Amino acid sequence: MRAFTDQMHRTVQVPTHPQRIISLVPSQTELLYDLGLGDRVVGITKFCIHPETWFKTKHRVGGTKKVDFEKVRALKPDLIIGNKEENERKDIHVLEQEFPVWMSDVRDLEGALEMVLRVGELTGTTARAESITDGIRQAFVGLRPLEEPRTVAYFIWRDPFMAVGHGTFVNDILKRCGLINVFDEGDARYPEITAQEVAEADPDVILLSSEPYPFTEKHIAELNMICPGTPVRLVDGEAFSWYGSRLLKAPAYFSGLIASLRIDGSVT
């Protein structure tokens, strides 16, 4: 056994080479795949849709917010990997009484890169983790933000409306794109907001995420009624919020979005 400190500053005793890993976070499941862990990952959640081969073949242990403890016990994991924000504290408390549970806490790009490296060390895949983080850093070097920053509201939920707020990973990504979050204030990470508050904030652009709420074209008109004349875009929530190896591809997506905002006369 080896002692590791997770991103919540907890000390966790983990086997030197864990062979039965359960991931409770979709973005970290994809990372484990890209680290080449293959059969060493025995369980994932029902929301771990990438890679598709794992989604179809791996045992599922419930959701990120509601873990099926009996399914976890049946898999006899020697390591469980979770996240402070995505998993429920009460579930983690139950699991850590029986199994090694390593937790991430990712609030910005640097935190994501640290998480990748630590998971690499944790699973004995350090060289691959370093290659991934180097690739992510290089990809973000090529990201050119808007020359003149514009204000934005990034929605993740409807009825009630919820937006990303202060101290979130998405908020950090928005800044890197040259977008200033109108709801980056106070301590609320995901504030509930009314239509009137959206109108009063009057963002230059509104982004509707594909997850966790599945915003579609039909919701654009609703926001246009609240903020007439404000561009409303549907965006890939995985690009903005999956903080694992998907970050290798994300800057190319952001560059396309930024380019589209540059040619939109209302946000140039």
Protein backbone atom coordinates (compact mmCIF):
# COMPACT_ATOMS: atom_id res chain seq x y z
CA MET A 1 0.00 0.00 0.00
CA ARG A 2 1.06 3.58 -0.67
CA ALA A 3 -0.20 6.83 0.83
CA PHE A 4 -1.54 9.42 -1.61
CA THR A 5 -2.95 12.88 -0.93
CA ASP A 6 -5.98 13.68 -3.04
CA GLN A 7 -7.17 17.11 -4.18
CA MET A 8 -9.34 17.44 -1.08
CA HIS A 9 -6.16 17.09 1.01
CA ARG A 10 -7.18 13.67 2.30
CA THR A 11 -4.61 10.92 2.77
CA VAL A 12 -5.67 7.71 1.03
CA GLN A 13 -3.97 4.32 1.31
CA VAL A 14 -3.96 2.73 -2.15
CA PRO A 15 -2.41 -0.50 -3.49
CA THR A 16 0.82 0.11 -5.38
CA HIS A 17 -0.77 -1.10 -8.61
CA PRO A 18 -4.58 -0.96 -8.24
CA GLN A 19 -6.21 -3.57 -10.45
CA ARG A 20 -9.94 -3.07 -9.80
CA ILE A 21 -10.76 0.61 -10.29
CA ILE A 22 -14.20 2.21 -10.23
CA SER A 23 -14.70 5.70 -11.67
CA LEU A 24 -17.61 7.82 -10.46
CA VAL A 25 -17.01 10.75 -12.85
CA PRO A 26 -17.54 10.71 -16.65
CA SER A 27 -14.63 12.98 -17.56
CA GLN A 28 -12.27 11.00 -15.34
CA THR A 29 -13.52 7.71 -16.79
CA GLU A 30 -12.48 8.93 -20.23
CA LEU A 31 -9.11 9.91 -18.78
CA LEU A 32 -8.61 6.41 -17.36
CA TYR A 33 -9.28 5.00 -20.82
CA ASP A 34 -6.74 7.35 -22.40
CA LEU A 35 -4.22 6.38 -19.72
CA GLY A 36 -4.49 2.85 -21.11
CA LEU A 37 -5.99 1.21 -18.02
CA GLY A 38 -8.25 -1.15 -19.97
CA ASP A 39 -9.38 -4.12 -17.89
CA ARG A 40 -8.13 -2.50 -14.69
CA VAL A 41 -11.26 -0.33 -14.70
CA VAL A 42 -14.12 -2.58 -13.58
CA GLY A 43 -16.92 -0.09 -12.91
CA ILE A 44 -18.27 3.24 -14.19
CA THR A 45 -21.47 5.30 -13.84
CA LYS A 46 -24.44 5.36 -16.20
CA PHE A 47 -23.31 8.82 -17.31
CA CYS A 48 -19.83 7.67 -18.38
CA ILE A 49 -20.70 7.66 -22.08
CA HIS A 50 -17.11 7.98 -23.37
CA PRO A 51 -15.57 5.84 -24.62
CA GLU A 52 -18.55 4.07 -26.15
CA THR A 53 -16.89 0.67 -25.86
CA TRP A 54 -16.65 1.05 -22.09
CA PHE A 55 -20.19 2.42 -21.84
CA LYS A 56 -21.43 -0.73 -23.54
CA THR A 57 -19.27 -3.25 -21.70
CA LYS A 58 -18.29 -2.01 -18.23
CA HIS A 59 -20.36 -2.65 -15.12
CA ARG A 60 -22.37 0.42 -14.09
CA VAL A 61 -22.64 1.33 -10.43
CA GLY A 62 -25.46 3.86 -10.56
CA GLY A 63 -25.14 7.59 -11.21
CA THR A 64 -22.74 10.30 -10.12
CA LYS A 65 -25.25 11.55 -7.53
CA LYS A 66 -26.68 8.18 -6.49
CA VAL A 67 -24.20 5.33 -6.20
CA ASP A 68 -25.48 1.76 -5.98
CA PHE A 69 -23.43 0.48 -3.04
CA GLU A 70 -24.27 -3.18 -3.59
CA LYS A 71 -23.03 -3.04 -7.17
CA VAL A 72 -19.84 -1.41 -5.94
CA ARG A 73 -19.31 -4.09 -3.29
CA ALA A 74 -19.89 -6.84 -5.84
CA LEU A 75 -17.01 -5.49 -7.93
CA LYS A 76 -14.61 -5.48 -4.95
CA PRO A 77 -12.67 -2.37 -6.01
CA ASP A 78 -9.21 -1.63 -4.69
CA LEU A 79 -9.56 2.04 -5.78
CA ILE A 80 -12.52 4.35 -6.35
CA ILE A 81 -11.98 7.71 -8.05
CA GLY A 82 -14.53 10.49 -7.49
CA ASN A 83 -14.94 14.26 -7.50
CA LYS A 84 -15.96 16.72 -4.79
CA GLU A 85 -18.51 18.53 -6.94
CA GLU A 86 -19.96 15.70 -8.98
CA ASN A 87 -20.43 13.12 -6.23
CA GLU A 88 -22.53 13.34 -3.08
CA ARG A 89 -20.63 13.68 0.19
CA LYS A 90 -22.87 11.13 1.90
CA ASP A 91 -22.14 8.52 -0.79
CA ILE A 92 -18.40 9.11 -0.55
CA HIS A 93 -18.56 8.83 3.24
CA VAL A 94 -20.14 5.37 2.95
CA LEU A 95 -17.68 4.19 0.33
CA GLU A 96 -14.55 5.38 2.11
CA GLN A 97 -15.43 3.23 5.12
CA GLU A 98 -14.85 0.15 2.96
CA PHE A 99 -12.60 1.11 0.05
CA PRO A 100 -9.77 3.50 -0.89
CA VAL A 101 -11.49 6.57 -2.35
CA TRP A 102 -9.39 9.24 -4.09
CA MET A 103 -11.18 12.55 -4.74
CA SER A 104 -10.46 15.30 -7.23
CA ASP A 105 -11.43 18.95 -6.79
CA VAL A 106 -11.10 20.80 -10.10
CA ARG A 107 -11.91 24.51 -10.33
CA ASP A 108 -9.65 25.67 -13.16
CA LEU A 109 -7.35 24.45 -15.92
CA GLU A 110 -4.33 24.15 -13.62
CA GLY A 111 -6.38 22.05 -11.22
CA ALA A 112 -7.38 19.79 -14.11
CA LEU A 113 -3.76 19.32 -15.18
CA GLU A 114 -2.79 18.52 -11.60
CA MET A 115 -5.60 15.97 -11.42
CA VAL A 116 -4.38 14.21 -14.57
CA LEU A 117 -0.84 13.96 -13.22
CA ARG A 118 -1.99 12.73 -9.82
CA VAL A 119 -4.23 10.07 -11.33
CA GLY A 120 -1.28 9.00 -13.46
CA GLU A 121 0.86 8.58 -10.36
CA LEU A 122 -1.99 6.85 -8.55
CA THR A 123 -2.43 4.26 -11.30
CA GLY A 124 1.20 3.80 -12.35
CA THR A 125 0.72 5.58 -15.69
CA THR A 126 2.84 8.65 -15.02
CA ALA A 127 4.52 8.81 -18.44
CA ARG A 128 1.18 8.74 -20.26
CA ALA A 129 -0.31 11.33 -17.87
CA GLU A 130 2.62 13.65 -18.50
CA SER A 131 2.15 13.24 -22.25
CA ILE A 132 -1.53 14.14 -21.93
CA THR A 133 -0.87 17.23 -19.80
CA ASP A 134 1.86 18.39 -22.18
CA GLY A 135 -0.58 18.03 -25.06
CA ILE A 136 -3.28 19.96 -23.22
CA ARG A 137 -0.90 22.80 -22.38
CA GLN A 138 0.25 22.99 -25.99
CA ALA A 139 -3.34 23.02 -27.25
CA PHE A 140 -4.25 25.92 -24.97
CA VAL A 141 -1.17 27.87 -26.07
CA GLY A 142 -2.81 28.05 -29.50
CA LEU A 143 -6.10 29.38 -28.13
CA ARG A 144 -6.59 33.05 -29.05
CA PRO A 145 -9.26 34.77 -26.96
CA LEU A 146 -11.49 37.56 -28.20
CA GLU A 147 -9.39 40.70 -28.62
CA GLU A 148 -12.09 42.74 -26.89
CA PRO A 149 -13.60 40.69 -24.05
CA ARG A 150 -17.39 40.41 -24.04
CA THR A 151 -19.82 39.55 -21.28
CA VAL A 152 -21.53 36.18 -21.25
CA ALA A 153 -24.14 34.15 -19.40
CA TYR A 154 -23.55 30.38 -19.56
CA PHE A 155 -26.67 28.37 -18.74
CA ILE A 156 -26.60 24.80 -17.44
CA TRP A 157 -30.24 24.38 -16.36
CA ARG A 158 -33.77 25.51 -17.07
CA ASP A 159 -36.84 25.81 -14.82
CA PRO A 160 -35.32 27.29 -12.82
CA PHE A 161 -32.58 28.88 -14.85
CA MET A 162 -29.14 28.09 -13.48
CA ALA A 163 -25.86 29.53 -14.71
CA VAL A 164 -22.22 28.89 -13.96
CA GLY A 165 -20.88 31.23 -11.32
CA HIS A 166 -17.77 31.93 -9.31
CA GLY A 167 -15.02 29.37 -8.74
CA THR A 168 -16.12 26.87 -11.38
CA PHE A 169 -14.07 25.14 -14.05
CA VAL A 170 -16.37 26.48 -16.78
CA ASN A 171 -15.88 30.02 -15.48
CA ASP A 172 -12.11 29.65 -15.90
CA ILE A 173 -12.56 28.35 -19.45
CA LEU A 174 -14.82 31.29 -20.34
CA LYS A 175 -12.10 33.69 -19.20
CA ARG A 176 -9.57 31.93 -21.42
CA CYS A 177 -11.91 32.52 -24.36
CA GLY A 178 -12.12 36.25 -23.63
CA LEU A 179 -15.63 36.00 -22.18
CA ILE A 180 -16.54 37.73 -18.90
CA ASN A 181 -19.16 35.86 -16.87
CA VAL A 182 -21.91 38.25 -15.73
CA PHE A 183 -22.71 35.87 -12.87
CA ASP A 184 -19.15 35.58 -11.57
CA GLU A 185 -19.88 37.23 -8.25
CA GLY A 186 -20.46 36.21 -4.67
CA ASP A 187 -19.92 32.62 -3.58
CA ALA A 188 -22.61 30.95 -5.68
CA ARG A 189 -21.04 28.39 -7.98
CA TYR A 190 -24.26 27.65 -9.83
CA PRO A 191 -26.73 30.44 -9.03
CA GLU A 192 -30.44 30.15 -9.72
CA ILE A 193 -31.48 33.24 -11.66
CA THR A 194 -34.77 34.71 -12.80
CA ALA A 195 -35.59 35.96 -16.28
CA GLN A 196 -35.55 39.49 -14.88
CA GLU A 197 -32.04 39.00 -13.50
CA VAL A 198 -30.87 37.76 -16.88
CA ALA A 199 -32.38 40.80 -18.58
CA GLU A 200 -30.79 43.16 -16.04
CA ALA A 201 -27.38 41.50 -16.46
CA ASP A 202 -27.74 42.12 -20.22
CA PRO A 203 -24.87 39.86 -21.41
CA ASP A 204 -23.32 40.41 -24.84
CA VAL A 205 -23.83 36.72 -25.63
CA ILE A 206 -25.74 33.81 -24.06
CA LEU A 207 -24.41 30.25 -24.20
CA LEU A 208 -26.73 27.28 -23.65
CA SER A 209 -24.87 24.13 -22.63
CA SER A 210 -25.74 20.68 -23.96
CA GLU A 211 -25.40 19.32 -20.42
CA PRO A 212 -26.48 18.72 -17.74
CA TYR A 213 -29.72 20.22 -19.12
CA PRO A 214 -30.08 19.29 -22.80
CA PHE A 215 -30.69 22.73 -24.28
CA THR A 216 -31.76 22.63 -27.95
CA GLU A 217 -32.76 25.03 -30.71
CA LYS A 218 -36.26 25.41 -29.26
CA HIS A 219 -34.83 27.16 -26.19
CA ILE A 220 -33.08 29.89 -28.17
CA ALA A 221 -36.35 31.76 -28.79
CA GLU A 222 -37.09 31.72 -25.05
CA LEU A 223 -33.82 33.51 -24.29
CA ASN A 224 -34.33 35.87 -27.23
CA MET A 225 -37.57 37.00 -25.59
CA ILE A 226 -35.69 37.78 -22.37
CA CYS A 227 -32.71 39.49 -24.02
CA PRO A 228 -33.85 40.77 -27.44
CA GLY A 229 -30.98 41.16 -29.88
CA THR A 230 -28.49 39.16 -27.79
CA PRO A 231 -26.87 36.28 -29.71
CA VAL A 232 -27.76 32.91 -28.18
CA ARG A 233 -25.59 29.90 -29.00
CA LEU A 234 -25.87 26.21 -28.23
CA VAL A 235 -22.49 24.94 -27.04
CA ASP A 236 -20.87 21.58 -26.33
CA GLY A 237 -21.04 21.12 -22.57
CA GLU A 238 -18.45 18.34 -22.68
CA ALA A 239 -15.89 20.71 -24.23
CA PHE A 240 -16.50 23.27 -21.50
CA SER A 241 -16.83 21.03 -18.45
CA TRP A 242 -15.05 17.69 -19.00
CA TYR A 243 -11.73 18.33 -17.29
CA GLY A 244 -9.88 15.15 -18.23
CA SER A 245 -8.20 14.11 -21.47
CA ARG A 246 -11.04 15.66 -23.51
CA LEU A 247 -9.16 18.93 -22.91
CA LEU A 248 -6.79 17.82 -25.68
CA LYS A 249 -9.59 18.53 -28.17
CA ALA A 250 -11.41 21.37 -26.42
CA PRO A 251 -9.26 24.36 -27.50
CA ALA A 252 -9.95 23.60 -31.17
CA TYR A 253 -13.67 23.75 -30.38
CA PHE A 254 -13.26 26.99 -28.45
CA SER A 255 -11.33 28.52 -31.34
CA GLY A 256 -14.23 27.78 -33.66
CA LEU A 257 -16.70 29.34 -31.25
CA ILE A 258 -14.52 32.43 -30.80
CA ALA A 259 -14.20 32.80 -34.58
CA SER A 260 -17.97 32.65 -34.96
CA LEU A 261 -18.38 35.35 -32.31
CA ARG A 262 -15.84 37.55 -34.07
CA ILE A 263 -17.84 37.54 -37.31
CA ASP A 264 -21.11 38.16 -35.49
CA GLY A 265 -21.46 41.92 -35.77
CA SER A 266 -23.09 42.27 -32.39
CA VAL A 267 -20.13 40.85 -30.47
CA THR A 268 -17.10 42.02 -32.41
